[in-house]
């Protein structure tokens, strides 16, 4: 089976939410605090791309609350302002994404990386969207790999497919495949459905979609949407559990299974 075909999720158990042991299993859920503590003892460092976005902001907050990493670095085009005491030791690297090679040092020395970069065609235009969601992401991944990053986590989208006729899904699928070619020791792709959150940026069409899914019973909305905090917790729960797989593809169902572990057992 070719790499491209596998990444699309054809005959791939990961894409059906069956990737490895599930935290829905009580015996597995009971090990979560132990996995988190073992992870903390390794004193790993992490970088986050896209920390100013809705998912990125929640990700940084959860990382700090769980104290999973000894060093946390935000890489972005501007310095973010935080008032809470918990953020005082967060490192920030300001870069020019058009000249990322000049900022290679910002990507050096991190064990784990989370990429939540993204924009929309409406906001940036077709060319701008491709530049951010493909070119910036891929170049960042290349520098992270060269800088020693072992585990790269990519926030993608449900339906990502490089052969799609829709530009958004096509670019998401394309960057997934290109990052896989870099051969990180571990590469985790997250394909959530509609992200449920109170977005600060005004996007009327997205607001209507979120209101619709948010009004449905969870069992009805689950195949197509997921709260941002559930995505973030799934990303972190996945990071702390050992894996011998070089590539993991987690769809909306798998994200729910991992993210909801915190609802049943908090460390």
C-alpha atoms as a PDB file:
ATOM      1  CA  UNK A   1       0.000   0.000   0.000  1.00  0.00           C
ATOM      2  CA  UNK A   2       1.450   3.379  -0.959  1.00  0.00           C
ATOM      3  CA  UNK A   3       2.133   6.080   1.591  1.00  0.00           C
ATOM      4  CA  UNK A   4      -0.414   8.428   0.041  1.00  0.00           C
ATOM      5  CA  UNK A   5      -3.141   5.812   0.067  1.00  0.00           C
ATOM      6  CA  UNK A   6      -2.417   4.933   3.676  1.00  0.00           C
ATOM      7  CA  UNK A   7      -2.532   8.569   4.741  1.00  0.00           C
ATOM      8  CA  UNK A   8      -5.980   9.001   3.235  1.00  0.00           C
ATOM      9  CA  UNK A   9      -7.208   6.447   5.728  1.00  0.00           C
ATOM     10  CA  UNK A  10      -8.014   3.568   3.362  1.00  0.00           C
ATOM     11  CA  UNK A  11      -7.943   0.360   5.379  1.00  0.00           C
ATOM     12  CA  UNK A  12      -6.213   2.294   8.122  1.00  0.00           C
ATOM     13  CA  UNK A  13      -7.482   1.453  11.634  1.00  0.00           C
ATOM     14  CA  UNK A  14      -6.167   4.761  12.946  1.00  0.00           C
ATOM     15  CA  UNK A  15      -8.553   6.705  10.722  1.00  0.00           C
ATOM     16  CA  UNK A  16     -11.498   4.799  12.170  1.00  0.00           C
ATOM     17  CA  UNK A  17     -10.611   5.827  15.699  1.00  0.00           C
ATOM     18  CA  UNK A  18      -9.086   2.446  16.551  1.00  0.00           C
ATOM     19  CA  UNK A  19      -5.524   3.596  17.029  1.00  0.00           C
ATOM     20  CA  UNK A  20      -4.065   1.668  19.939  1.00  0.00           C
ATOM     21  CA  UNK A  21      -5.602   1.202  23.398  1.00  0.00           C
ATOM     22  CA  UNK A  22      -8.531   3.464  24.185  1.00  0.00           C
ATOM     23  CA  UNK A  23      -8.884   5.543  27.333  1.00  0.00           C
ATOM     24  CA  UNK A  24     -12.573   4.622  27.212  1.00  0.00           C
ATOM     25  CA  UNK A  25     -11.449   1.298  28.625  1.00  0.00           C
ATOM     26  CA  UNK A  26     -11.557   1.709  32.450  1.00  0.00           C
ATOM     27  CA  UNK A  27      -8.289  -0.170  32.932  1.00  0.00           C
ATOM     28  CA  UNK A  28      -6.584   2.143  30.452  1.00  0.00           C
ATOM     29  CA  UNK A  29      -8.146   5.254  31.978  1.00  0.00           C
ATOM     30  CA  UNK A  30      -6.777   4.292  35.383  1.00  0.00           C
ATOM     31  CA  UNK A  31      -3.239   4.463  34.002  1.00  0.00           C
ATOM     32  CA  UNK A  32      -3.549   8.050  32.744  1.00  0.00           C
ATOM     33  CA  UNK A  33      -2.181   9.736  35.896  1.00  0.00           C
ATOM     34  CA  UNK A  34       0.755   7.321  35.870  1.00  0.00           C
ATOM     35  CA  UNK A  35       1.460   8.028  32.209  1.00  0.00           C
ATOM     36  CA  UNK A  36       1.354  11.759  32.863  1.00  0.00           C
ATOM     37  CA  UNK A  37       3.696  11.493  35.834  1.00  0.00           C
ATOM     38  CA  UNK A  38       6.142   9.314  33.907  1.00  0.00           C
ATOM     39  CA  UNK A  39       6.067  11.873  31.108  1.00  0.00           C
ATOM     40  CA  UNK A  40       6.768  14.760  33.486  1.00  0.00           C
ATOM     41  CA  UNK A  41       9.793  12.937  34.863  1.00  0.00           C
ATOM     42  CA  UNK A  42      11.376  12.979  31.396  1.00  0.00           C
ATOM     43  CA  UNK A  43      11.700  16.795  31.503  1.00  0.00           C
ATOM     44  CA  UNK A  44      10.749  17.263  27.876  1.00  0.00           C
ATOM     45  CA  UNK A  45      10.487  20.567  26.054  1.00  0.00           C
ATOM     46  CA  UNK A  46       7.687  21.600  23.710  1.00  0.00           C
ATOM     47  CA  UNK A  47       6.949  24.274  21.134  1.00  0.00           C
ATOM     48  CA  UNK A  48       3.532  25.439  19.970  1.00  0.00           C
ATOM     49  CA  UNK A  49       2.776  27.061  16.630  1.00  0.00           C
ATOM     50  CA  UNK A  50      -0.488  28.978  16.376  1.00  0.00           C
ATOM     51  CA  UNK A  51      -0.810  29.776  20.077  1.00  0.00           C
ATOM     52  CA  UNK A  52      -2.919  32.853  19.320  1.00  0.00           C
ATOM     53  CA  UNK A  53      -5.672  30.794  17.677  1.00  0.00           C
ATOM     54  CA  UNK A  54      -8.635  29.249  19.451  1.00  0.00           C
ATOM     55  CA  UNK A  55      -7.140  25.757  19.686  1.00  0.00           C
ATOM     56  CA  UNK A  56      -3.636  27.023  20.380  1.00  0.00           C
ATOM     57  CA  UNK A  57      -4.757  29.168  23.306  1.00  0.00           C
ATOM     58  CA  UNK A  58      -6.522  26.260  24.969  1.00  0.00           C
ATOM     59  CA  UNK A  59      -3.549  23.994  24.258  1.00  0.00           C
ATOM     60  CA  UNK A  60      -1.113  26.326  26.010  1.00  0.00           C
ATOM     61  CA  UNK A  61      -3.470  26.656  28.976  1.00  0.00           C
ATOM     62  CA  UNK A  62      -3.838  22.877  29.340  1.00  0.00           C
ATOM     63  CA  UNK A  63      -0.100  22.278  28.983  1.00  0.00           C
ATOM     64  CA  UNK A  64       0.612  24.705  31.803  1.00  0.00           C
ATOM     65  CA  UNK A  65      -2.168  23.367  34.024  1.00  0.00           C
ATOM     66  CA  UNK A  66      -0.949  19.793  33.603  1.00  0.00           C
ATOM     67  CA  UNK A  67       2.741  20.758  33.966  1.00  0.00           C
ATOM     68  CA  UNK A  68       3.723  18.141  31.418  1.00  0.00           C
ATOM     69  CA  UNK A  69       6.809  19.895  30.036  1.00  0.00           C
ATOM     70  CA  UNK A  70       9.871  21.424  31.662  1.00  0.00           C
ATOM     71  CA  UNK A  71      10.095  24.111  28.972  1.00  0.00           C
ATOM     72  CA  UNK A  72       7.282  25.642  26.899  1.00  0.00           C
ATOM     73  CA  UNK A  73       8.011  27.808  23.855  1.00  0.00           C
ATOM     74  CA  UNK A  74       5.527  29.669  21.687  1.00  0.00           C
ATOM     75  CA  UNK A  75       6.629  30.390  18.125  1.00  0.00           C
ATOM     76  CA  UNK A  76       4.670  33.067  16.307  1.00  0.00           C
ATOM     77  CA  UNK A  77       4.734  36.284  14.324  1.00  0.00           C
ATOM     78  CA  UNK A  78       4.109  38.456  17.375  1.00  0.00           C
ATOM     79  CA  UNK A  79       4.602  38.304  21.113  1.00  0.00           C
ATOM     80  CA  UNK A  80       1.488  37.418  23.059  1.00  0.00           C
ATOM     81  CA  UNK A  81       0.486  39.126  26.290  1.00  0.00           C
ATOM     82  CA  UNK A  82      -0.548  37.043  29.280  1.00  0.00           C
ATOM     83  CA  UNK A  83      -1.629  38.388  32.643  1.00  0.00           C
ATOM     84  CA  UNK A  84      -1.858  35.115  34.555  1.00  0.00           C
ATOM     85  CA  UNK A  85       1.061  34.118  36.768  1.00  0.00           C
ATOM     86  CA  UNK A  86       1.115  30.632  35.228  1.00  0.00           C
ATOM     87  CA  UNK A  87       2.453  32.063  31.961  1.00  0.00           C
ATOM     88  CA  UNK A  88       5.461  33.867  33.431  1.00  0.00           C
ATOM     89  CA  UNK A  89       7.953  31.148  32.462  1.00  0.00           C
ATOM     90  CA  UNK A  90       6.623  30.624  28.943  1.00  0.00           C
ATOM     91  CA  UNK A  91       9.261  31.399  26.316  1.00  0.00           C
ATOM     92  CA  UNK A  92       8.266  33.258  23.173  1.00  0.00           C
ATOM     93  CA  UNK A  93      10.090  33.302  19.849  1.00  0.00           C
ATOM     94  CA  UNK A  94       8.930  35.952  17.378  1.00  0.00           C
ATOM     95  CA  UNK A  95       9.591  34.930  13.770  1.00  0.00           C
ATOM     96  CA  UNK A  96       8.924  36.097  10.231  1.00  0.00           C
ATOM     97  CA  UNK A  97       7.200  33.177   8.533  1.00  0.00           C
ATOM     98  CA  UNK A  98       8.283  34.526   5.149  1.00  0.00           C
ATOM     99  CA  UNK A  99      11.927  34.126   6.213  1.00  0.00           C
ATOM    100  CA  UNK A 100      11.791  31.128   8.528  1.00  0.00           C
ATOM    101  CA  UNK A 101      15.285  29.929   7.626  1.00  0.00           C
ATOM    102  CA  UNK A 102      16.592  33.005   9.433  1.00  0.00           C
ATOM    103  CA  UNK A 103      14.897  31.782  12.616  1.00  0.00           C
ATOM    104  CA  UNK A 104      16.022  28.158  12.612  1.00  0.00           C
ATOM    105  CA  UNK A 105      17.310  28.534  16.180  1.00  0.00           C
ATOM    106  CA  UNK A 106      13.718  28.993  17.410  1.00  0.00           C
ATOM    107  CA  UNK A 107      13.005  25.393  16.412  1.00  0.00           C
ATOM    108  CA  UNK A 108      16.067  23.827  18.001  1.00  0.00           C
ATOM    109  CA  UNK A 109      16.111  21.697  21.128  1.00  0.00           C
ATOM    110  CA  UNK A 110      12.432  20.767  21.402  1.00  0.00           C
ATOM    111  CA  UNK A 111      11.328  17.187  22.030  1.00  0.00           C
ATOM    112  CA  UNK A 112       7.686  17.696  21.058  1.00  0.00           C
ATOM    113  CA  UNK A 113       5.981  20.117  18.697  1.00  0.00           C
ATOM    114  CA  UNK A 114       2.323  21.052  18.256  1.00  0.00           C
ATOM    115  CA  UNK A 115       1.253  22.830  15.083  1.00  0.00           C
ATOM    116  CA  UNK A 116      -2.092  24.633  15.218  1.00  0.00           C
ATOM    117  CA  UNK A 117      -1.326  27.117  12.448  1.00  0.00           C
ATOM    118  CA  UNK A 118      -4.146  27.925  10.094  1.00  0.00           C
ATOM    119  CA  UNK A 119      -6.218  30.597   8.404  1.00  0.00           C
ATOM    120  CA  UNK A 120      -9.132  30.683   5.976  1.00  0.00           C
ATOM    121  CA  UNK A 121      -9.545  31.458   2.299  1.00  0.00           C
ATOM    122  CA  UNK A 122     -12.031  34.187   3.209  1.00  0.00           C
ATOM    123  CA  UNK A 123      -9.580  35.903   5.536  1.00  0.00           C
ATOM    124  CA  UNK A 124      -6.334  35.518   3.590  1.00  0.00           C
ATOM    125  CA  UNK A 125      -7.478  34.756   0.047  1.00  0.00           C
ATOM    126  CA  UNK A 126      -6.672  31.516  -1.755  1.00  0.00           C
ATOM    127  CA  UNK A 127      -2.979  32.318  -2.123  1.00  0.00           C
ATOM    128  CA  UNK A 128      -2.637  33.429   1.485  1.00  0.00           C
ATOM    129  CA  UNK A 129      -4.444  30.354   2.744  1.00  0.00           C
ATOM    130  CA  UNK A 130      -2.088  28.038   0.848  1.00  0.00           C
ATOM    131  CA  UNK A 131       0.934  29.964   2.085  1.00  0.00           C
ATOM    132  CA  UNK A 132      -0.096  29.672   5.746  1.00  0.00           C
ATOM    133  CA  UNK A 133      -1.695  26.236   5.903  1.00  0.00           C
ATOM    134  CA  UNK A 134       0.802  24.497   3.642  1.00  0.00           C
ATOM    135  CA  UNK A 135       4.014  26.473   3.170  1.00  0.00           C
ATOM    136  CA  UNK A 136       4.394  27.848   6.706  1.00  0.00           C
ATOM    137  CA  UNK A 137       3.418  24.541   8.283  1.00  0.00           C
ATOM    138  CA  UNK A 138       5.753  22.478   6.111  1.00  0.00           C
ATOM    139  CA  UNK A 139       8.726  24.807   6.554  1.00  0.00           C
ATOM    140  CA  UNK A 140       8.168  24.861  10.308  1.00  0.00           C
ATOM    141  CA  UNK A 141       8.074  21.062  10.349  1.00  0.00           C
ATOM    142  CA  UNK A 142      11.304  20.894   8.348  1.00  0.00           C
ATOM    143  CA  UNK A 143      13.081  23.196  10.800  1.00  0.00           C
ATOM    144  CA  UNK A 144      11.655  21.300  13.773  1.00  0.00           C
ATOM    145  CA  UNK A 145      12.931  18.029  12.354  1.00  0.00           C
ATOM    146  CA  UNK A 146      16.368  19.529  11.745  1.00  0.00           C
ATOM    147  CA  UNK A 147      16.307  20.982  15.261  1.00  0.00           C
ATOM    148  CA  UNK A 148      15.830  17.589  16.900  1.00  0.00           C
ATOM    149  CA  UNK A 149      12.067  17.374  17.425  1.00  0.00           C
ATOM    150  CA  UNK A 150      11.041  13.741  17.931  1.00  0.00           C
ATOM    151  CA  UNK A 151       7.241  13.962  18.070  1.00  0.00           C
ATOM    152  CA  UNK A 152       5.391  16.324  15.733  1.00  0.00           C
ATOM    153  CA  UNK A 153       1.643  16.861  16.201  1.00  0.00           C
ATOM    154  CA  UNK A 154      -0.395  18.387  13.386  1.00  0.00           C
ATOM    155  CA  UNK A 155      -3.901  19.779  13.756  1.00  0.00           C
ATOM    156  CA  UNK A 156      -5.600  19.047  10.441  1.00  0.00           C
ATOM    157  CA  UNK A 157      -9.269  18.667   9.511  1.00  0.00           C
ATOM    158  CA  UNK A 158     -11.934  16.047   9.039  1.00  0.00           C
ATOM    159  CA  UNK A 159     -12.067  15.090   5.369  1.00  0.00           C
ATOM    160  CA  UNK A 160      -8.484  16.127   4.589  1.00  0.00           C
ATOM    161  CA  UNK A 161      -7.551  14.595   1.231  1.00  0.00           C
ATOM    162  CA  UNK A 162      -4.899  15.814  -1.193  1.00  0.00           C
ATOM    163  CA  UNK A 163      -7.075  14.676  -4.119  1.00  0.00           C
ATOM    164  CA  UNK A 164     -10.130  16.637  -2.932  1.00  0.00           C
ATOM    165  CA  UNK A 165     -11.715  19.156  -5.290  1.00  0.00           C
ATOM    166  CA  UNK A 166     -12.114  21.540  -2.338  1.00  0.00           C
ATOM    167  CA  UNK A 167      -9.025  23.681  -1.796  1.00  0.00           C
ATOM    168  CA  UNK A 168      -9.253  23.598   2.004  1.00  0.00           C
ATOM    169  CA  UNK A 169      -9.352  19.797   2.250  1.00  0.00           C
ATOM    170  CA  UNK A 170      -6.838  19.415  -0.570  1.00  0.00           C
ATOM    171  CA  UNK A 171      -4.223  21.586   1.155  1.00  0.00           C
ATOM    172  CA  UNK A 172      -4.813  19.902   4.505  1.00  0.00           C
ATOM    173  CA  UNK A 173      -4.289  16.487   2.928  1.00  0.00           C
ATOM    174  CA  UNK A 174      -1.265  17.673   0.992  1.00  0.00           C
ATOM    175  CA  UNK A 175       0.554  19.055   4.014  1.00  0.00           C
ATOM    176  CA  UNK A 176      -0.234  15.904   6.012  1.00  0.00           C
ATOM    177  CA  UNK A 177       1.550  13.816   3.386  1.00  0.00           C
ATOM    178  CA  UNK A 178       4.496  16.184   2.969  1.00  0.00           C
ATOM    179  CA  UNK A 179       5.159  16.315   6.716  1.00  0.00           C
ATOM    180  CA  UNK A 180       5.061  12.514   6.863  1.00  0.00           C
ATOM    181  CA  UNK A 181       7.879  12.423   4.312  1.00  0.00           C
ATOM    182  CA  UNK A 182      10.116  14.180   6.861  1.00  0.00           C
ATOM    183  CA  UNK A 183      10.053  10.952   8.901  1.00  0.00           C
ATOM    184  CA  UNK A 184       9.756  12.203  12.450  1.00  0.00           C
ATOM    185  CA  UNK A 185      10.266   9.517  15.081  1.00  0.00           C
ATOM    186  CA  UNK A 186       6.572   9.988  15.821  1.00  0.00           C
ATOM    187  CA  UNK A 187       4.027  11.933  13.801  1.00  0.00           C
ATOM    188  CA  UNK A 188       0.451  12.414  15.017  1.00  0.00           C
ATOM    189  CA  UNK A 189      -2.292  13.877  12.827  1.00  0.00           C
ATOM    190  CA  UNK A 190      -5.557  15.075  14.360  1.00  0.00           C
ATOM    191  CA  UNK A 191      -8.588  15.397  12.086  1.00  0.00           C
ATOM    192  CA  UNK A 192     -11.390  16.949  14.149  1.00  0.00           C
ATOM    193  CA  UNK A 193     -14.807  17.853  12.827  1.00  0.00           C
ATOM    194  CA  UNK A 194     -16.316  21.299  13.384  1.00  0.00           C
ATOM    195  CA  UNK A 195     -14.509  22.862  16.342  1.00  0.00           C
ATOM    196  CA  UNK A 196     -16.936  24.072  18.996  1.00  0.00           C
ATOM    197  CA  UNK A 197     -15.680  27.194  20.739  1.00  0.00           C
ATOM    198  CA  UNK A 198     -16.466  30.851  21.346  1.00  0.00           C
ATOM    199  CA  UNK A 199     -14.231  32.272  18.629  1.00  0.00           C
ATOM    200  CA  UNK A 200     -13.181  35.873  19.239  1.00  0.00           C
ATOM    201  CA  UNK A 201     -12.688  36.521  15.535  1.00  0.00           C
ATOM    202  CA  UNK A 202     -15.945  37.238  13.742  1.00  0.00           C
ATOM    203  CA  UNK A 203     -16.839  34.492  11.267  1.00  0.00           C
ATOM    204  CA  UNK A 204     -20.660  34.578  10.879  1.00  0.00           C
ATOM    205  CA  UNK A 205     -20.968  31.359   8.858  1.00  0.00           C
ATOM    206  CA  UNK A 206     -18.833  29.416  11.347  1.00  0.00           C
ATOM    207  CA  UNK A 207     -20.823  30.919  14.220  1.00  0.00           C
ATOM    208  CA  UNK A 208     -24.052  29.570  12.740  1.00  0.00           C
ATOM    209  CA  UNK A 209     -22.540  26.118  12.226  1.00  0.00           C
ATOM    210  CA  UNK A 210     -21.234  26.023  15.789  1.00  0.00           C
ATOM    211  CA  UNK A 211     -24.558  27.177  17.187  1.00  0.00           C
ATOM    212  CA  UNK A 212     -26.302  24.426  15.240  1.00  0.00           C
ATOM    213  CA  UNK A 213     -24.026  21.618  16.410  1.00  0.00           C
ATOM    214  CA  UNK A 214     -23.848  23.069  19.904  1.00  0.00           C
ATOM    215  CA  UNK A 215     -27.629  22.856  20.202  1.00  0.00           C
ATOM    216  CA  UNK A 216     -27.750  19.159  19.286  1.00  0.00           C
ATOM    217  CA  UNK A 217     -27.511  16.275  21.762  1.00  0.00           C
ATOM    218  CA  UNK A 218     -23.883  15.182  22.020  1.00  0.00           C
ATOM    219  CA  UNK A 219     -24.626  11.756  20.531  1.00  0.00           C
ATOM    220  CA  UNK A 220     -25.991  13.420  17.377  1.00  0.00           C
ATOM    221  CA  UNK A 221     -23.278  16.060  17.033  1.00  0.00           C
ATOM    222  CA  UNK A 222     -20.325  13.816  17.885  1.00  0.00           C
ATOM    223  CA  UNK A 223     -19.642  12.435  14.363  1.00  0.00           C
ATOM    224  CA  UNK A 224     -19.371  15.944  12.927  1.00  0.00           C
ATOM    225  CA  UNK A 225     -18.138  18.265  15.678  1.00  0.00           C
ATOM    226  CA  UNK A 226     -15.997  18.343  18.805  1.00  0.00           C
ATOM    227  CA  UNK A 227     -15.264  20.906  21.561  1.00  0.00           C
ATOM    228  CA  UNK A 228     -11.836  22.507  21.267  1.00  0.00           C
ATOM    229  CA  UNK A 229     -10.937  21.495  24.816  1.00  0.00           C
ATOM    230  CA  UNK A 230     -11.623  17.842  23.920  1.00  0.00           C
ATOM    231  CA  UNK A 231      -9.260  18.104  20.947  1.00  0.00           C
ATOM    232  CA  UNK A 232      -6.548  19.633  23.116  1.00  0.00           C
ATOM    233  CA  UNK A 233      -6.875  17.005  25.828  1.00  0.00           C
ATOM    234  CA  UNK A 234      -6.778  14.280  23.195  1.00  0.00           C
ATOM    235  CA  UNK A 235      -3.546  15.737  21.821  1.00  0.00           C
ATOM    236  CA  UNK A 236      -1.947  15.771  25.260  1.00  0.00           C
ATOM    237  CA  UNK A 237      -3.271  12.377  26.350  1.00  0.00           C
ATOM    238  CA  UNK A 238      -1.922  10.934  23.130  1.00  0.00           C
ATOM    239  CA  UNK A 239       1.460  12.582  23.674  1.00  0.00           C
ATOM    240  CA  UNK A 240       1.971  11.014  27.103  1.00  0.00           C
ATOM    241  CA  UNK A 241       1.081   7.472  26.075  1.00  0.00           C
ATOM    242  CA  UNK A 242       3.964   5.459  24.592  1.00  0.00           C
ATOM    243  CA  UNK A 243       3.661   4.429  20.960  1.00  0.00           C
ATOM    244  CA  UNK A 244       5.844   2.484  18.555  1.00  0.00           C
ATOM    245  CA  UNK A 245       4.023   3.874  15.514  1.00  0.00           C
ATOM    246  CA  UNK A 246       5.776   6.442  13.360  1.00  0.00           C
ATOM    247  CA  UNK A 247       2.471   7.838  12.102  1.00  0.00           C
ATOM    248  CA  UNK A 248      -0.865   8.077  13.905  1.00  0.00           C
ATOM    249  CA  UNK A 249      -4.018   9.428  12.302  1.00  0.00           C
ATOM    250  CA  UNK A 250      -6.804  10.237  14.744  1.00  0.00           C
ATOM    251  CA  UNK A 251     -10.250  11.074  13.411  1.00  0.00           C
ATOM    252  CA  UNK A 252     -13.110  12.741  15.272  1.00  0.00           C
ATOM    253  CA  UNK A 253     -14.141   9.489  16.965  1.00  0.00           C
ATOM    254  CA  UNK A 254     -10.623   8.784  18.219  1.00  0.00           C
ATOM    255  CA  UNK A 255     -10.257  12.384  19.390  1.00  0.00           C
ATOM    256  CA  UNK A 256     -13.426  12.077  21.465  1.00  0.00           C
ATOM    257  CA  UNK A 257     -12.236   8.798  22.989  1.00  0.00           C
ATOM    258  CA  UNK A 258      -8.893  10.262  24.060  1.00  0.00           C
ATOM    259  CA  UNK A 259     -10.134  13.705  25.012  1.00  0.00           C
ATOM    260  CA  UNK A 260     -12.953  12.491  27.232  1.00  0.00           C
ATOM    261  CA  UNK A 261     -10.589  10.532  29.484  1.00  0.00           C
ATOM    262  CA  UNK A 262     -10.364  13.660  31.637  1.00  0.00           C
ATOM    263  CA  UNK A 263     -14.105  13.550  32.216  1.00  0.00           C
ATOM    264  CA  UNK A 264     -13.894  10.181  33.930  1.00  0.00           C
ATOM    265  CA  UNK A 265     -10.579  10.418  35.712  1.00  0.00           C
ATOM    266  CA  UNK A 266      -8.669  13.592  36.445  1.00  0.00           C
ATOM    267  CA  UNK A 267      -5.011  13.321  37.411  1.00  0.00           C
END
